[in-house]
Amino acid sequence: MVFNDRDYTQDAVIKQAALIELHSKDGSALDAGCSCIEGKHLHIIEGLAEEGKGFAVSEKEKEFYDRLGNLTRSLRKNMEGDNFDMLEVLHEAGLNPYPRKYELHGLTECEQSHPNVVHKLQSCIKKVEKREGCSPPYTDCPVNPVAVCRASVTCS
């Protein structure tokens, strides 16, 4: 069998992710105080992601490895600093620039055809969140701002 860098990298990333999952679930990371996730596995995934960009066969795959590297780097740094703030991790990794619970998903056909309506809905959601005092982690929000705004902003 001929060695394939791309297949090897994909397989190695999957194995490291499986080890992170195992250590997270079996208690070794928390109960035993093992720091192998941030000290070893995330470093390995970050390195594999950097190599994976070089083996990628499409821009989409390169972007995947770039985001994977950013995410693992951000996770590792956050864990090393005993911060454990997932919103900060996602923001630093560029994966969730708008850490909002009530964001528009699954646009209707009309909304897809009318960007101005989407803009109105987004503006309305922000106003409702502010008016209702909603803030991350959004457990204090008495209403669903998306539902409120979809009921009040007509698509035409």
N, C-alpha and C. Protein backbone atom coordinates (compact mmCIF):
# COMPACT_ATOMS: atom_id res chain seq x y z
N MET A 1 0.84 -1.18 0.00
CA MET A 1 0.00 0.00 0.00
C MET A 1 0.89 1.24 0.00
N VAL A 2 0.53 2.22 -0.80
CA VAL A 2 1.28 3.46 -0.92
C VAL A 2 0.83 4.43 0.18
N PHE A 3 1.79 5.06 0.83
CA PHE A 3 1.49 6.02 1.88
C PHE A 3 0.87 7.27 1.26
N ASN A 4 -0.22 7.74 1.87
CA ASN A 4 -0.91 8.92 1.38
C ASN A 4 -0.96 9.95 2.51
N ASP A 5 -0.25 11.07 2.33
CA ASP A 5 -0.18 12.12 3.36
C ASP A 5 -1.55 12.62 3.78
N ARG A 6 -2.40 12.83 2.81
CA ARG A 6 -3.73 13.39 3.08
C ARG A 6 -4.57 12.43 3.91
N ASP A 7 -4.61 11.15 3.53
CA ASP A 7 -5.36 10.15 4.28
C ASP A 7 -4.79 10.00 5.70
N TYR A 8 -3.46 9.98 5.80
CA TYR A 8 -2.82 9.86 7.11
C TYR A 8 -3.23 11.02 8.02
N THR A 9 -3.22 12.23 7.49
CA THR A 9 -3.55 13.42 8.28
C THR A 9 -5.00 13.35 8.75
N GLN A 10 -5.90 13.01 7.85
CA GLN A 10 -7.31 12.90 8.24
C GLN A 10 -7.50 11.84 9.32
N ASP A 11 -6.88 10.69 9.16
CA ASP A 11 -6.99 9.61 10.13
C ASP A 11 -6.41 10.02 11.48
N ALA A 12 -5.28 10.70 11.47
CA ALA A 12 -4.64 11.12 12.71
C ALA A 12 -5.47 12.16 13.45
N VAL A 13 -6.08 13.09 12.73
CA VAL A 13 -6.96 14.09 13.36
C VAL A 13 -8.13 13.38 14.04
N ILE A 14 -8.74 12.43 13.35
CA ILE A 14 -9.88 11.69 13.91
C ILE A 14 -9.46 10.93 15.17
N LYS A 15 -8.29 10.30 15.15
CA LYS A 15 -7.82 9.56 16.33
C LYS A 15 -7.56 10.49 17.51
N GLN A 16 -6.96 11.64 17.26
CA GLN A 16 -6.71 12.58 18.35
C GLN A 16 -8.02 13.12 18.92
N ALA A 17 -8.98 13.39 18.05
CA ALA A 17 -10.29 13.86 18.52
C ALA A 17 -10.97 12.78 19.36
N ALA A 18 -10.82 11.52 18.95
CA ALA A 18 -11.40 10.41 19.72
C ALA A 18 -10.75 10.31 21.10
N LEU A 19 -9.45 10.53 21.16
CA LEU A 19 -8.77 10.49 22.45
C LEU A 19 -9.22 11.64 23.35
N ILE A 20 -9.43 12.80 22.77
CA ILE A 20 -9.94 13.94 23.56
C ILE A 20 -11.31 13.59 24.12
N GLU A 21 -12.17 13.01 23.28
CA GLU A 21 -13.50 12.62 23.75
C GLU A 21 -13.39 11.58 24.87
N LEU A 22 -12.54 10.58 24.69
CA LEU A 22 -12.37 9.54 25.70
C LEU A 22 -11.90 10.13 27.02
N HIS A 23 -10.87 10.96 26.98
CA HIS A 23 -10.34 11.55 28.20
C HIS A 23 -11.35 12.49 28.86
N SER A 24 -12.19 13.13 28.07
CA SER A 24 -13.20 14.02 28.63
C SER A 24 -14.30 13.24 29.33
N LYS A 25 -14.60 12.05 28.83
CA LYS A 25 -15.70 11.26 29.38
C LYS A 25 -15.27 10.30 30.49
N ASP A 26 -14.03 9.80 30.45
CA ASP A 26 -13.63 8.76 31.41
C ASP A 26 -13.14 9.31 32.75
N GLY A 27 -13.08 10.62 32.87
CA GLY A 27 -12.67 11.22 34.14
C GLY A 27 -11.20 11.52 34.26
N SER A 28 -10.39 11.02 33.33
CA SER A 28 -8.94 11.23 33.47
C SER A 28 -8.56 12.70 33.34
N ALA A 29 -9.30 13.44 32.53
CA ALA A 29 -8.96 14.85 32.35
C ALA A 29 -9.36 15.69 33.55
N LEU A 30 -10.51 15.38 34.14
CA LEU A 30 -11.01 16.19 35.25
C LEU A 30 -10.67 15.57 36.60
N ASP A 31 -11.08 14.33 36.81
CA ASP A 31 -10.91 13.69 38.12
C ASP A 31 -9.45 13.44 38.45
N ALA A 32 -8.68 13.00 37.47
CA ALA A 32 -7.27 12.67 37.72
C ALA A 32 -6.36 13.87 37.50
N GLY A 33 -6.90 14.95 36.97
CA GLY A 33 -6.09 16.15 36.77
C GLY A 33 -5.10 16.04 35.63
N CYS A 34 -5.34 15.12 34.73
CA CYS A 34 -4.44 14.94 33.59
C CYS A 34 -4.57 16.15 32.65
N SER A 35 -3.45 16.64 32.18
CA SER A 35 -3.47 17.80 31.27
C SER A 35 -3.10 17.39 29.85
N CYS A 36 -3.36 16.12 29.51
CA CYS A 36 -2.97 15.63 28.19
C CYS A 36 -3.79 16.25 27.06
N ILE A 37 -5.01 16.70 27.36
CA ILE A 37 -5.82 17.28 26.29
C ILE A 37 -5.14 18.55 25.78
N GLU A 38 -4.91 19.50 26.69
CA GLU A 38 -4.28 20.75 26.26
C GLU A 38 -2.78 20.61 26.07
N GLY A 39 -2.16 19.65 26.78
CA GLY A 39 -0.72 19.51 26.71
C GLY A 39 -0.22 18.65 25.57
N LYS A 40 -1.10 17.80 25.03
CA LYS A 40 -0.66 16.89 23.98
C LYS A 40 -1.62 16.85 22.79
N HIS A 41 -2.86 16.42 23.03
CA HIS A 41 -3.77 16.16 21.92
C HIS A 41 -4.11 17.41 21.10
N LEU A 42 -4.36 18.54 21.76
CA LEU A 42 -4.67 19.76 21.01
C LEU A 42 -3.45 20.27 20.24
N HIS A 43 -2.26 20.09 20.80
CA HIS A 43 -1.03 20.46 20.06
C HIS A 43 -0.91 19.60 18.80
N ILE A 44 -1.19 18.31 18.96
CA ILE A 44 -1.08 17.40 17.81
C ILE A 44 -2.09 17.76 16.73
N ILE A 45 -3.34 18.02 17.13
CA ILE A 45 -4.36 18.39 16.13
C ILE A 45 -3.98 19.70 15.45
N GLU A 46 -3.48 20.65 16.23
CA GLU A 46 -3.06 21.93 15.64
C GLU A 46 -1.97 21.71 14.59
N GLY A 47 -0.99 20.87 14.90
CA GLY A 47 0.07 20.56 13.95
C GLY A 47 -0.44 19.83 12.73
N LEU A 48 -1.33 18.87 12.95
CA LEU A 48 -1.91 18.14 11.83
C LEU A 48 -2.73 19.07 10.93
N ALA A 49 -3.42 20.02 11.54
CA ALA A 49 -4.21 20.98 10.75
C ALA A 49 -3.29 21.83 9.88
N GLU A 50 -2.15 22.23 10.42
CA GLU A 50 -1.19 23.00 9.63
C GLU A 50 -0.67 22.17 8.46
N GLU A 51 -0.37 20.90 8.72
CA GLU A 51 0.08 20.02 7.62
C GLU A 51 -1.05 19.76 6.63
N GLY A 52 -2.26 19.59 7.16
CA GLY A 52 -3.41 19.27 6.32
C GLY A 52 -3.69 20.33 5.27
N LYS A 53 -3.42 21.59 5.60
CA LYS A 53 -3.61 22.66 4.61
C LYS A 53 -2.73 22.42 3.40
N GLY A 54 -1.54 21.89 3.63
CA GLY A 54 -0.61 21.63 2.52
C GLY A 54 -1.03 20.47 1.65
N PHE A 55 -1.78 19.54 2.20
CA PHE A 55 -2.23 18.36 1.44
C PHE A 55 -3.63 18.54 0.87
N ALA A 56 -4.30 19.60 1.24
CA ALA A 56 -5.70 19.81 0.84
C ALA A 56 -5.82 19.89 -0.68
N VAL A 57 -6.92 19.35 -1.17
CA VAL A 57 -7.14 19.33 -2.62
C VAL A 57 -8.17 20.37 -3.07
N SER A 58 -8.73 21.11 -2.11
CA SER A 58 -9.69 22.15 -2.48
C SER A 58 -9.57 23.31 -1.49
N GLU A 59 -10.11 24.43 -1.90
CA GLU A 59 -10.12 25.60 -1.00
C GLU A 59 -10.97 25.33 0.23
N LYS A 60 -12.06 24.60 0.04
CA LYS A 60 -12.94 24.26 1.16
C LYS A 60 -12.18 23.43 2.20
N GLU A 61 -11.39 22.49 1.74
CA GLU A 61 -10.61 21.65 2.65
C GLU A 61 -9.52 22.47 3.34
N LYS A 62 -8.89 23.37 2.61
CA LYS A 62 -7.88 24.24 3.22
C LYS A 62 -8.51 25.11 4.31
N GLU A 63 -9.69 25.63 4.03
CA GLU A 63 -10.39 26.46 5.01
C GLU A 63 -10.76 25.63 6.24
N PHE A 64 -11.16 24.38 6.02
CA PHE A 64 -11.48 23.50 7.14
C PHE A 64 -10.27 23.34 8.06
N TYR A 65 -9.12 23.03 7.48
CA TYR A 65 -7.93 22.83 8.29
C TYR A 65 -7.48 24.14 8.95
N ASP A 66 -7.67 25.24 8.28
CA ASP A 66 -7.32 26.53 8.87
C ASP A 66 -8.20 26.79 10.10
N ARG A 67 -9.49 26.55 9.97
CA ARG A 67 -10.41 26.75 11.09
C ARG A 67 -10.15 25.75 12.21
N LEU A 68 -9.84 24.52 11.84
CA LEU A 68 -9.53 23.50 12.85
C LEU A 68 -8.30 23.91 13.65
N GLY A 69 -7.28 24.40 12.98
CA GLY A 69 -6.08 24.86 13.67
C GLY A 69 -6.37 26.03 14.59
N ASN A 70 -7.14 26.99 14.11
CA ASN A 70 -7.51 28.14 14.95
C ASN A 70 -8.31 27.70 16.17
N LEU A 71 -9.24 26.77 15.97
CA LEU A 71 -10.07 26.30 17.08
C LEU A 71 -9.22 25.58 18.12
N THR A 72 -8.38 24.66 17.69
CA THR A 72 -7.59 23.90 18.67
C THR A 72 -6.59 24.80 19.39
N ARG A 73 -6.03 25.75 18.68
CA ARG A 73 -5.09 26.70 19.32
C ARG A 73 -5.83 27.52 20.38
N SER A 74 -7.01 28.00 20.04
CA SER A 74 -7.79 28.79 20.98
C SER A 74 -8.23 27.94 22.18
N LEU A 75 -8.67 26.72 21.94
CA LEU A 75 -9.04 25.82 23.04
C LEU A 75 -7.86 25.59 23.97
N ARG A 76 -6.71 25.28 23.39
CA ARG A 76 -5.52 24.99 24.19
C ARG A 76 -5.13 26.18 25.05
N LYS A 77 -5.07 27.35 24.44
CA LYS A 77 -4.68 28.55 25.19
C LYS A 77 -5.68 28.85 26.30
N ASN A 78 -6.95 28.66 26.02
CA ASN A 78 -7.99 28.91 27.00
C ASN A 78 -7.87 27.94 28.17
N MET A 79 -7.61 26.68 27.88
CA MET A 79 -7.46 25.68 28.93
C MET A 79 -6.19 25.91 29.74
N GLU A 80 -5.11 26.25 29.06
CA GLU A 80 -3.85 26.50 29.76
C GLU A 80 -3.97 27.67 30.72
N GLY A 81 -4.81 28.62 30.39
CA GLY A 81 -5.02 29.78 31.26
C GLY A 81 -6.11 29.57 32.29
N ASP A 82 -6.62 28.33 32.41
CA ASP A 82 -7.70 28.01 33.35
C ASP A 82 -8.90 28.93 33.17
N ASN A 83 -9.18 29.31 31.93
CA ASN A 83 -10.27 30.23 31.64
C ASN A 83 -11.58 29.47 31.40
N PHE A 84 -11.54 28.47 30.55
CA PHE A 84 -12.68 27.62 30.22
C PHE A 84 -13.92 28.41 29.80
N ASP A 85 -13.73 29.41 28.94
CA ASP A 85 -14.82 30.23 28.44
C ASP A 85 -15.04 29.88 26.97
N MET A 86 -16.07 29.06 26.70
CA MET A 86 -16.29 28.56 25.35
C MET A 86 -16.64 29.67 24.37
N LEU A 87 -17.40 30.68 24.81
CA LEU A 87 -17.72 31.79 23.90
C LEU A 87 -16.44 32.51 23.49
N GLU A 88 -15.53 32.69 24.42
CA GLU A 88 -14.25 33.33 24.10
C GLU A 88 -13.45 32.46 23.13
N VAL A 89 -13.46 31.16 23.34
CA VAL A 89 -12.75 30.24 22.45
C VAL A 89 -13.27 30.37 21.03
N LEU A 90 -14.58 30.32 20.89
CA LEU A 90 -15.18 30.41 19.56
C LEU A 90 -14.90 31.76 18.91
N HIS A 91 -14.99 32.82 19.69
CA HIS A 91 -14.73 34.16 19.17
C HIS A 91 -13.27 34.27 18.72
N GLU A 92 -12.33 33.82 19.55
CA GLU A 92 -10.91 33.88 19.19
C GLU A 92 -10.60 33.06 17.95
N ALA A 93 -11.31 31.94 17.79
CA ALA A 93 -11.08 31.07 16.64
C ALA A 93 -11.77 31.59 15.39
N GLY A 94 -12.53 32.67 15.53
CA GLY A 94 -13.24 33.22 14.38
C GLY A 94 -14.41 32.37 13.94
N LEU A 95 -14.92 31.53 14.83
CA LEU A 95 -16.00 30.62 14.46
C LEU A 95 -17.37 31.12 14.87
N ASN A 96 -17.42 32.07 15.77
CA ASN A 96 -18.70 32.58 16.22
C ASN A 96 -18.54 34.07 16.52
N PRO A 97 -18.42 34.88 15.49
CA PRO A 97 -18.18 36.30 15.73
C PRO A 97 -19.35 37.00 16.41
N TYR A 98 -20.53 36.42 16.35
CA TYR A 98 -21.70 37.01 16.99
C TYR A 98 -22.26 35.99 17.98
N PRO A 99 -21.71 35.94 19.19
CA PRO A 99 -22.16 34.92 20.13
C PRO A 99 -23.56 35.22 20.66
N ARG A 100 -24.54 35.03 19.81
CA ARG A 100 -25.93 35.31 20.16
C ARG A 100 -26.72 34.01 20.08
N LYS A 101 -27.60 33.82 21.03
CA LYS A 101 -28.47 32.66 20.98
C LYS A 101 -29.56 32.86 19.93
N TYR A 102 -30.07 34.07 19.87
CA TYR A 102 -31.21 34.35 19.00
C TYR A 102 -30.73 34.97 17.70
N GLU A 103 -30.18 34.15 16.84
CA GLU A 103 -29.70 34.59 15.53
C GLU A 103 -30.60 33.94 14.48
N LEU A 104 -30.76 34.61 13.37
CA LEU A 104 -31.60 34.06 12.31
C LEU A 104 -30.96 32.83 11.68
N HIS A 105 -31.71 31.75 11.65
CA HIS A 105 -31.28 30.52 10.98
C HIS A 105 -32.46 30.03 10.14
N GLY A 106 -32.19 29.34 9.07
CA GLY A 106 -33.26 28.80 8.26
C GLY A 106 -34.15 29.88 7.68
N LEU A 107 -33.54 30.76 6.91
CA LEU A 107 -34.31 31.85 6.31
C LEU A 107 -35.41 31.31 5.40
N THR A 108 -36.54 31.99 5.41
CA THR A 108 -37.63 31.63 4.50
C THR A 108 -37.24 32.04 3.08
N GLU A 109 -37.99 31.56 2.10
CA GLU A 109 -37.72 31.94 0.71
C GLU A 109 -37.83 33.44 0.52
N CYS A 110 -38.83 34.04 1.14
CA CYS A 110 -39.02 35.48 1.03
C CYS A 110 -37.84 36.23 1.64
N GLU A 111 -37.39 35.78 2.83
CA GLU A 111 -36.25 36.44 3.49
C GLU A 111 -34.98 36.31 2.66
N GLN A 112 -34.80 35.15 2.03
CA GLN A 112 -33.62 34.96 1.18
C GLN A 112 -33.65 35.91 -0.02
N SER A 113 -34.84 36.21 -0.50
CA SER A 113 -34.99 37.09 -1.66
C SER A 113 -34.94 38.56 -1.32
N HIS A 114 -35.07 38.90 -0.03
CA HIS A 114 -35.13 40.30 0.39
C HIS A 114 -34.14 40.57 1.52
N PRO A 115 -32.88 40.89 1.19
CA PRO A 115 -31.87 41.16 2.22
C PRO A 115 -32.27 42.28 3.17
N ASN A 116 -33.06 43.23 2.69
CA ASN A 116 -33.49 44.33 3.56
C ASN A 116 -34.39 43.82 4.69
N VAL A 117 -35.17 42.78 4.43
CA VAL A 117 -36.02 42.20 5.46
C VAL A 117 -35.14 41.51 6.52
N VAL A 118 -34.11 40.80 6.07
CA VAL A 118 -33.18 40.15 7.00
C VAL A 118 -32.52 41.20 7.89
N HIS A 119 -32.14 42.31 7.29
CA HIS A 119 -31.52 43.40 8.06
C HIS A 119 -32.51 43.93 9.11
N LYS A 120 -33.76 44.11 8.71
CA LYS A 120 -34.78 44.59 9.65
C LYS A 120 -34.98 43.60 10.80
N LEU A 121 -34.99 42.30 10.46
CA LEU A 121 -35.16 41.28 11.49
C LEU A 121 -33.98 41.29 12.46
N GLN A 122 -32.76 41.38 11.92
CA GLN A 122 -31.58 41.40 12.78
C GLN A 122 -31.60 42.61 13.71
N SER A 123 -31.98 43.76 13.17
CA SER A 123 -32.07 44.96 13.99
C SER A 123 -33.14 44.80 15.07
N CYS A 124 -34.26 44.23 14.70
CA CYS A 124 -35.35 44.00 15.65
C CYS A 124 -34.90 43.06 16.76
N ILE A 125 -34.21 41.98 16.41
CA ILE A 125 -33.74 41.01 17.40
C ILE A 125 -32.85 41.68 18.44
N LYS A 126 -31.93 42.52 17.97
CA LYS A 126 -31.04 43.23 18.90
C LYS A 126 -31.84 44.14 19.84
N LYS A 127 -32.84 44.83 19.29
CA LYS A 127 -33.66 45.73 20.11
C LYS A 127 -34.46 44.94 21.16
N VAL A 128 -35.03 43.82 20.75
CA VAL A 128 -35.82 43.01 21.69
C VAL A 128 -34.90 42.46 22.79
N GLU A 129 -33.73 41.98 22.40
CA GLU A 129 -32.79 41.47 23.41
C GLU A 129 -32.44 42.56 24.41
N LYS A 130 -32.18 43.76 23.92
CA LYS A 130 -31.83 44.87 24.80
C LYS A 130 -33.01 45.24 25.70
N ARG A 131 -34.20 45.36 25.10
CA ARG A 131 -35.40 45.72 25.86
C ARG A 131 -35.71 44.70 26.95
N GLU A 132 -35.53 43.42 26.64
CA GLU A 132 -35.87 42.36 27.59
C GLU A 132 -34.73 42.04 28.55
N GLY A 133 -33.57 42.67 28.33
CA GLY A 133 -32.43 42.43 29.22
C GLY A 133 -31.76 41.08 29.00
N CYS A 134 -31.82 40.59 27.77
CA CYS A 134 -31.23 39.29 27.46
C CYS A 134 -29.73 39.43 27.25
N SER A 135 -28.98 38.52 27.82
CA SER A 135 -27.53 38.53 27.63
C SER A 135 -27.02 37.10 27.74
N PRO A 136 -25.84 36.84 27.17
CA PRO A 136 -25.30 35.47 27.25
C PRO A 136 -25.22 35.03 28.71
N PRO A 137 -25.58 33.83 29.02
CA PRO A 137 -25.96 32.71 28.16
C PRO A 137 -27.44 32.67 27.80
N TYR A 138 -28.14 33.75 27.89
CA TYR A 138 -29.52 33.92 27.45
C TYR A 138 -30.53 33.11 28.26
N THR A 139 -30.18 32.69 29.44
CA THR A 139 -31.14 31.97 30.28
C THR A 139 -32.14 32.91 30.92
N ASP A 140 -31.84 34.21 30.87
CA ASP A 140 -32.70 35.20 31.50
C ASP A 140 -33.69 35.84 30.53
N CYS A 141 -33.75 35.39 29.29
CA CYS A 141 -34.60 36.02 28.28
C CYS A 141 -36.01 35.43 28.35
N PRO A 142 -37.00 36.24 28.66
CA PRO A 142 -38.37 35.74 28.82
C PRO A 142 -39.08 35.46 27.50
N VAL A 143 -38.53 35.94 26.38
CA VAL A 143 -39.16 35.73 25.08
C VAL A 143 -38.12 35.25 24.07
N ASN A 144 -38.60 34.75 22.96
CA ASN A 144 -37.71 34.39 21.86
C ASN A 144 -37.72 35.57 20.89
N PRO A 145 -36.64 36.38 20.88
CA PRO A 145 -36.61 37.57 20.02
C PRO A 145 -36.83 37.28 18.54
N VAL A 146 -36.39 36.13 18.05
CA VAL A 146 -36.59 35.81 16.63
C VAL A 146 -38.08 35.65 16.35
N ALA A 147 -38.78 34.93 17.22
CA ALA A 147 -40.22 34.74 17.02
C ALA A 147 -40.97 36.07 17.12
N VAL A 148 -40.60 36.90 18.10
CA VAL A 148 -41.24 38.21 18.25
C VAL A 148 -41.05 39.02 16.98
N CYS A 149 -39.84 39.05 16.46
CA CYS A 149 -39.55 39.88 15.29
C CYS A 149 -40.16 39.33 14.01
N ARG A 150 -40.16 38.01 13.87
CA ARG A 150 -40.79 37.44 12.67
C ARG A 150 -42.29 37.74 12.66
N ALA A 151 -42.87 37.87 13.83
CA ALA A 151 -44.29 38.19 13.91
C ALA A 151 -44.57 39.65 13.59
N SER A 152 -43.56 40.51 13.79
CA SER A 152 -43.79 41.94 13.61
C SER A 152 -43.21 42.51 12.32
N VAL A 153 -42.23 41.83 11.73
CA VAL A 153 -41.62 42.32 10.47
C VAL A 153 -42.19 41.47 9.33
N THR A 154 -42.90 42.12 8.44
CA THR A 154 -43.50 41.40 7.32
C THR A 154 -42.53 41.34 6.16
N CYS A 155 -42.56 40.23 5.47
CA CYS A 155 -41.67 40.04 4.32
C CYS A 155 -42.45 40.36 3.05
N SER A 156 -41.98 41.37 2.34
CA SER A 156 -42.64 41.72 1.07
C SER A 156 -41.69 42.44 0.17
